[in-house]
C-alpha atoms as a PDB file:
ATOM      1  CA  MET A   1     -55.923  -8.943  77.940  1.00  0.00           C
ATOM      2  CA  LYS A   2     -57.107  -6.183  75.666  1.00  0.00           C
ATOM      3  CA  HIS A   3     -53.714  -4.558  75.117  1.00  0.00           C
ATOM      4  CA  ILE A   4     -52.080  -7.660  73.581  1.00  0.00           C
ATOM      5  CA  PRO A   5     -53.187  -6.955  69.961  1.00  0.00           C
ATOM      6  CA  ALA A   6     -51.104  -3.767  69.847  1.00  0.00           C
ATOM      7  CA  LEU A   7     -48.058  -5.308  71.507  1.00  0.00           C
ATOM      8  CA  ILE A   8     -47.666  -8.170  69.039  1.00  0.00           C
ATOM      9  CA  PRO A   9     -47.166  -6.061  65.860  1.00  0.00           C
ATOM     10  CA  ALA A  10     -44.836  -3.732  67.759  1.00  0.00           C
ATOM     11  CA  ALA A  11     -42.756  -6.681  68.952  1.00  0.00           C
ATOM     12  CA  LEU A  12     -42.618  -8.103  65.427  1.00  0.00           C
ATOM     13  CA  LEU A  13     -41.507  -4.756  64.002  1.00  0.00           C
ATOM     14  CA  MET A  14     -38.754  -4.499  66.611  1.00  0.00           C
ATOM     15  CA  ALA A  15     -37.591  -8.042  65.784  1.00  0.00           C
ATOM     16  CA  LEU A  16     -37.539  -7.123  62.109  1.00  0.00           C
ATOM     17  CA  ALA A  17     -35.477  -4.024  62.907  1.00  0.00           C
ATOM     18  CA  ALA A  18     -32.982  -6.150  64.828  1.00  0.00           C
ATOM     19  CA  GLN A  19     -32.665  -8.685  62.009  1.00  0.00           C
ATOM     20  CA  THR A  20     -32.244  -6.084  59.278  1.00  0.00           C
ATOM     21  CA  GLY A  21     -29.599  -4.067  61.120  1.00  0.00           C
ATOM     22  CA  VAL A  22     -31.555  -0.854  61.589  1.00  0.00           C
ATOM     23  CA  PRO A  23     -29.765   0.101  64.850  1.00  0.00           C
ATOM     24  CA  GLN A  24     -26.365  -0.392  63.239  1.00  0.00           C
ATOM     25  CA  TRP A  25     -27.445   1.663  60.234  1.00  0.00           C
ATOM     26  CA  LEU A  26     -28.549   4.461  62.599  1.00  0.00           C
ATOM     27  CA  GLY A  27     -25.290   4.473  64.572  1.00  0.00           C
ATOM     28  CA  ALA A  28     -25.268   1.620  67.068  1.00  0.00           C
ATOM     29  CA  HIS A  29     -22.057  -0.334  67.431  1.00  0.00           C
ATOM     30  CA  PRO A  30     -22.104  -3.449  65.219  1.00  0.00           C
ATOM     31  CA  TRP A  31     -21.075  -5.656  68.136  1.00  0.00           C
ATOM     32  CA  TRP A  32     -24.218  -4.948  70.180  1.00  0.00           C
ATOM     33  CA  SER A  33     -26.707  -3.528  67.685  1.00  0.00           C
ATOM     34  CA  THR A  34     -29.027  -6.525  68.094  1.00  0.00           C
ATOM     35  CA  GLN A  35     -28.491  -6.771  71.848  1.00  0.00           C
ATOM     36  CA  VAL A  36     -29.867  -3.274  72.473  1.00  0.00           C
ATOM     37  CA  ILE A  37     -33.179  -4.278  70.883  1.00  0.00           C
ATOM     38  CA  VAL A  38     -33.286  -7.571  72.778  1.00  0.00           C
ATOM     39  CA  ILE A  39     -32.936  -5.608  76.029  1.00  0.00           C
ATOM     40  CA  GLY A  40     -34.834  -2.430  75.168  1.00  0.00           C
ATOM     41  CA  ALA A  41     -37.858  -3.705  73.255  1.00  0.00           C
ATOM     42  CA  PRO A  42     -39.340  -5.813  76.086  1.00  0.00           C
ATOM     43  CA  ALA A  43     -38.887  -2.889  78.476  1.00  0.00           C
ATOM     44  CA  GLY A  44     -40.653  -0.568  76.037  1.00  0.00           C
ATOM     45  CA  LEU A  45     -43.495  -3.003  75.468  1.00  0.00           C
ATOM     46  CA  LEU A  46     -43.930  -3.353  79.232  1.00  0.00           C
ATOM     47  CA  LEU A  47     -43.954   0.444  79.539  1.00  0.00           C
ATOM     48  CA  ALA A  48     -46.602   0.664  76.800  1.00  0.00           C
ATOM     49  CA  ALA A  49     -48.765  -1.957  78.494  1.00  0.00           C
ATOM     50  CA  LEU A  50     -48.480  -0.263  81.882  1.00  0.00           C
ATOM     51  CA  ALA A  51     -49.349   3.134  80.404  1.00  0.00           C
ATOM     52  CA  ALA A  52     -52.403   1.647  78.680  1.00  0.00           C
ATOM     53  CA  LEU A  53     -53.498  -0.169  81.833  1.00  0.00           C
ATOM     54  CA  ALA A  54     -53.110   3.073  83.787  1.00  0.00           C
ATOM     55  CA  GLY A  55     -55.653   4.633  81.424  1.00  0.00           C
ATOM     56  CA  LEU A  56     -53.339   7.118  79.724  1.00  0.00           C
ATOM     57  CA  ALA A  57     -54.925   8.267  76.465  1.00  0.00           C
ATOM     58  CA  ALA A  58     -53.267   7.493  73.131  1.00  0.00           C
ATOM     59  CA  GLY A  59     -52.186  11.075  72.392  1.00  0.00           C
ATOM     60  CA  PRO A  60     -50.222  11.633  75.601  1.00  0.00           C
ATOM     61  CA  ARG A  61     -48.684   8.155  75.314  1.00  0.00           C
ATOM     62  CA  ILE A  62     -47.503   8.862  71.779  1.00  0.00           C
ATOM     63  CA  ALA A  63     -46.017  12.197  72.874  1.00  0.00           C
ATOM     64  CA  LEU A  64     -44.332  10.667  75.934  1.00  0.00           C
ATOM     65  CA  PHE A  65     -42.866   7.725  74.049  1.00  0.00           C
ATOM     66  CA  SER A  66     -41.672  10.023  71.256  1.00  0.00           C
ATOM     67  CA  LEU A  67     -39.830  12.168  73.802  1.00  0.00           C
ATOM     68  CA  ILE A  68     -38.284   9.088  75.407  1.00  0.00           C
ATOM     69  CA  ALA A  69     -37.092   7.756  72.049  1.00  0.00           C
ATOM     70  CA  ALA A  70     -35.744  11.144  70.909  1.00  0.00           C
ATOM     71  CA  GLY A  71     -33.984  11.850  74.204  1.00  0.00           C
ATOM     72  CA  ALA A  72     -32.409   8.415  74.302  1.00  0.00           C
ATOM     73  CA  PHE A  73     -31.306   8.699  70.667  1.00  0.00           C
ATOM     74  CA  ALA A  74     -29.719  12.084  71.413  1.00  0.00           C
ATOM     75  CA  THR A  75     -27.909  10.540  74.381  1.00  0.00           C
ATOM     76  CA  ALA A  76     -26.681   7.647  72.238  1.00  0.00           C
ATOM     77  CA  SER A  77     -25.510   9.991  69.488  1.00  0.00           C
ATOM     78  CA  TRP A  78     -23.650  12.196  71.953  1.00  0.00           C
ATOM     79  CA  GLY A  79     -22.085   9.160  73.608  1.00  0.00           C
ATOM     80  CA  LYS A  80     -20.926   7.816  70.260  1.00  0.00           C
ATOM     81  CA  ALA A  81     -19.356  11.137  69.254  1.00  0.00           C
ATOM     82  CA  GLU A  82     -17.586  11.553  72.597  1.00  0.00           C
ATOM     83  CA  PHE A  83     -16.431   7.939  72.614  1.00  0.00           C
ATOM     84  CA  ALA A  84     -14.927   8.331  69.156  1.00  0.00           C
ATOM     85  CA  ALA A  85     -13.341  11.670  70.073  1.00  0.00           C
ATOM     86  CA  SER A  86     -11.690  10.089  73.114  1.00  0.00           C
ATOM     87  CA  TYR A  87     -10.186   7.331  70.949  1.00  0.00           C
ATOM     88  CA  ALA A  88     -12.298   4.742  72.825  1.00  0.00           C
ATOM     89  CA  GLU A  89     -10.978   5.749  76.247  1.00  0.00           C
ATOM     90  CA  SER A  90     -14.043   7.442  77.741  1.00  0.00           C
ATOM     91  CA  VAL A  91     -15.914   4.746  79.650  1.00  0.00           C
ATOM     92  CA  LEU A  92     -18.776   7.131  80.452  1.00  0.00           C
ATOM     93  CA  ALA A  93     -19.287   8.030  76.793  1.00  0.00           C
ATOM     94  CA  GLY A  94     -19.246   4.369  75.810  1.00  0.00           C
ATOM     95  CA  ARG A  95     -21.850   3.525  78.433  1.00  0.00           C
ATOM     96  CA  LEU A  96     -24.044   6.438  77.375  1.00  0.00           C
ATOM     97  CA  TRP A  97     -23.790   5.246  73.793  1.00  0.00           C
ATOM     98  CA  PHE A  98     -24.863   1.720  74.798  1.00  0.00           C
ATOM     99  CA  LEU A  99     -27.543   2.718  77.315  1.00  0.00           C
ATOM    100  CA  GLY A 100     -28.846   5.413  74.992  1.00  0.00           C
ATOM    101  CA  TRP A 101     -29.475   2.755  72.380  1.00  0.00           C
ATOM    102  CA  ILE A 102     -31.301   0.571  74.891  1.00  0.00           C
ATOM    103  CA  GLY A 103     -33.477   3.566  75.771  1.00  0.00           C
ATOM    104  CA  THR A 104     -34.052   4.283  72.095  1.00  0.00           C
ATOM    105  CA  ALA A 105     -35.212   0.707  71.509  1.00  0.00           C
ATOM    106  CA  ALA A 106     -37.511   0.923  74.538  1.00  0.00           C
ATOM    107  CA  GLY A 107     -38.974   4.256  73.427  1.00  0.00           C
ATOM    108  CA  VAL A 108     -39.494   3.108  69.845  1.00  0.00           C
ATOM    109  CA  ALA A 109     -41.123  -0.170  70.937  1.00  0.00           C
ATOM    110  CA  ALA A 110     -43.507   1.706  73.232  1.00  0.00           C
ATOM    111  CA  LEU A 111     -44.217   4.269  70.513  1.00  0.00           C
ATOM    112  CA  LEU A 112     -44.956   1.549  67.973  1.00  0.00           C
ATOM    113  CA  ALA A 113     -47.340  -0.137  70.407  1.00  0.00           C
ATOM    114  CA  ALA A 114     -49.124   3.169  71.006  1.00  0.00           C
ATOM    115  CA  LEU A 115     -49.392   3.858  67.279  1.00  0.00           C
ATOM    116  CA  VAL A 116     -50.617   0.346  66.479  1.00  0.00           C
ATOM    117  CA  SER A 117     -53.234   0.652  69.228  1.00  0.00           C
ATOM    118  CA  LEU A 118     -54.882   3.414  67.193  1.00  0.00           C
ATOM    119  CA  ALA A 119     -55.827   0.738  64.659  1.00  0.00           C
ATOM    120  CA  TYR A 120     -57.879  -1.143  67.262  1.00  0.00           C
ATOM    121  CA  PRO A 121     -60.954   1.029  67.868  1.00  0.00           C
ATOM    122  CA  GLY A 122     -63.136   0.153  70.817  1.00  0.00           C
ATOM    123  CA  ARG A 123     -60.374  -1.731  72.640  1.00  0.00           C
ATOM    124  CA  ALA A 124     -58.004  -0.677  75.363  1.00  0.00           C
ATOM    125  CA  ARG A 125     -55.258   1.330  73.765  1.00  0.00           C
ATOM    126  CA  ALA A 126     -51.873  -0.340  74.404  1.00  0.00           C
END
């Protein structure tokens, strides 16, 4: 498959982010900061592969995946703030914090795959 070369570096970068604690540094809960990447990154890589197979050009894919990552990060940040303000009693805020981080990992993984695909001229852009 032609889109595999772009997916591999993106997957490795996401694994590196999980191992170095990037999500926790950016505001994910320490308890599940690795788990959000384990769940979100494969979903994002699948999304990137499907978008490439559908023939979506690199520019629109980068814009779409950037919006997904930014929107999910905003959701996670809002959920974290509301969860802390409720003294850990708002279940909805806690879920938005967690799910927002999964969406952020998915969006970033897809964005990385789209950006890496620019380095593979003449191949299908994943």
